Amino acid sequence: MNPPPHLAEVVEQLHASFPAGLREDDEDYASLLVILSDLLSERNLGEVMEAAFSLDQHMVCNRTAAALSVRKPSVGRWSG
């Protein structure tokens, strides 16, 4: 998926930061969602993660909400 033009730079930065890609069970996944949620709308965050890492944007929104909740996400929590 190609990102909208206004999000292309964010996707490029993510590719540069995670050249091997990023999966939901990666240690940095939840932290990245929390950081990006301060910078992007829910919709834009989903589009960026889908374009950068082929992650379902709706699942990204759900995972972001969980990461922002009072529950501390654990590595591998969403795998399977």
Protein backbone atom coordinates (compact mmCIF):
# COMPACT_ATOMS: atom_id res chain seq x y z
CA MET A 1 0.00 0.00 0.00
CA ASN A 2 1.25 3.45 -0.87
CA PRO A 3 0.77 5.99 1.90
CA PRO A 4 -0.99 9.29 1.28
CA PRO A 5 1.56 11.93 0.23
CA HIS A 6 1.40 13.74 3.58
CA LEU A 7 2.43 10.51 5.39
CA ALA A 8 5.14 9.33 3.00
CA GLU A 9 7.97 10.87 5.02
CA VAL A 10 6.82 9.10 8.19
CA VAL A 11 6.76 5.77 6.35
CA GLU A 12 10.26 6.45 4.97
CA GLN A 13 11.54 7.18 8.48
CA LEU A 14 10.03 3.95 9.80
CA HIS A 15 11.66 1.98 7.00
CA ALA A 16 14.99 3.60 7.87
CA SER A 17 14.51 2.90 11.59
CA PHE A 18 13.33 -0.69 11.14
CA PRO A 19 15.02 -1.93 7.95
CA ALA A 20 14.17 -5.55 8.79
CA GLY A 21 10.53 -4.64 9.31
CA LEU A 22 8.40 -4.75 12.44
CA ARG A 23 5.98 -7.40 13.67
CA GLU A 24 3.34 -7.24 16.38
CA ASP A 25 5.42 -9.48 18.64
CA ASP A 26 8.55 -7.32 18.37
CA GLU A 27 9.75 -5.73 21.58
CA ASP A 28 9.49 -2.19 20.14
CA TYR A 29 6.01 -2.52 18.67
CA ALA A 30 3.84 -1.28 21.55
CA SER A 31 6.28 1.49 22.44
CA LEU A 32 6.32 2.70 18.86
CA LEU A 33 2.53 2.80 18.77
CA VAL A 34 2.43 4.91 21.93
CA ILE A 35 5.00 7.36 20.56
CA LEU A 36 3.31 7.66 17.17
CA SER A 37 -0.12 8.07 18.76
CA ASP A 38 1.06 11.41 20.15
CA LEU A 39 2.00 12.55 16.65
CA LEU A 40 -0.63 11.04 14.37
CA SER A 41 -4.38 10.62 14.36
CA GLU A 42 -5.71 7.10 14.85
CA ARG A 43 -6.49 6.78 11.15
CA ASN A 44 -3.11 8.13 10.04
CA LEU A 45 -1.28 5.85 12.45
CA GLY A 46 -3.10 2.85 11.00
CA GLU A 47 -2.30 3.92 7.45
CA VAL A 48 1.36 4.51 8.27
CA MET A 49 1.81 1.12 9.95
CA GLU A 50 0.01 -0.63 7.10
CA ALA A 51 2.15 1.11 4.47
CA ALA A 52 5.42 0.63 6.36
CA PHE A 53 5.00 -2.89 7.71
CA SER A 54 1.92 -4.42 6.01
CA LEU A 55 0.05 -4.49 9.33
CA ASP A 56 -3.74 -4.29 9.29
CA GLN A 57 -4.60 -0.70 10.14
CA HIS A 58 -7.67 -1.67 12.17
CA MET A 59 -5.64 -4.06 14.29
CA VAL A 60 -3.07 -1.29 14.77
CA CYS A 61 -5.81 0.93 16.20
CA ASN A 62 -6.82 -1.81 18.64
CA ARG A 63 -3.21 -2.48 19.64
CA THR A 64 -2.61 1.24 20.17
CA ALA A 65 -5.60 1.48 22.49
CA ALA A 66 -4.30 -1.49 24.47
CA ALA A 67 -0.81 0.00 24.66
CA LEU A 68 -2.26 3.29 25.92
CA SER A 69 -4.45 1.60 28.51
CA VAL A 70 -3.55 0.98 32.12
CA ARG A 71 -2.52 -2.56 31.21
CA LYS A 72 1.16 -2.83 30.40
CA PRO A 73 1.58 -4.70 27.10
CA SER A 74 3.94 -7.65 27.19
CA VAL A 75 6.13 -8.97 24.39
CA GLY A 76 4.32 -11.60 22.36
CA ARG A 77 0.95 -10.70 23.85
CA TRP A 78 -0.71 -10.31 20.47
CA SER A 79 0.92 -13.12 18.60
CA GLY A 80 -1.02 -16.07 17.42
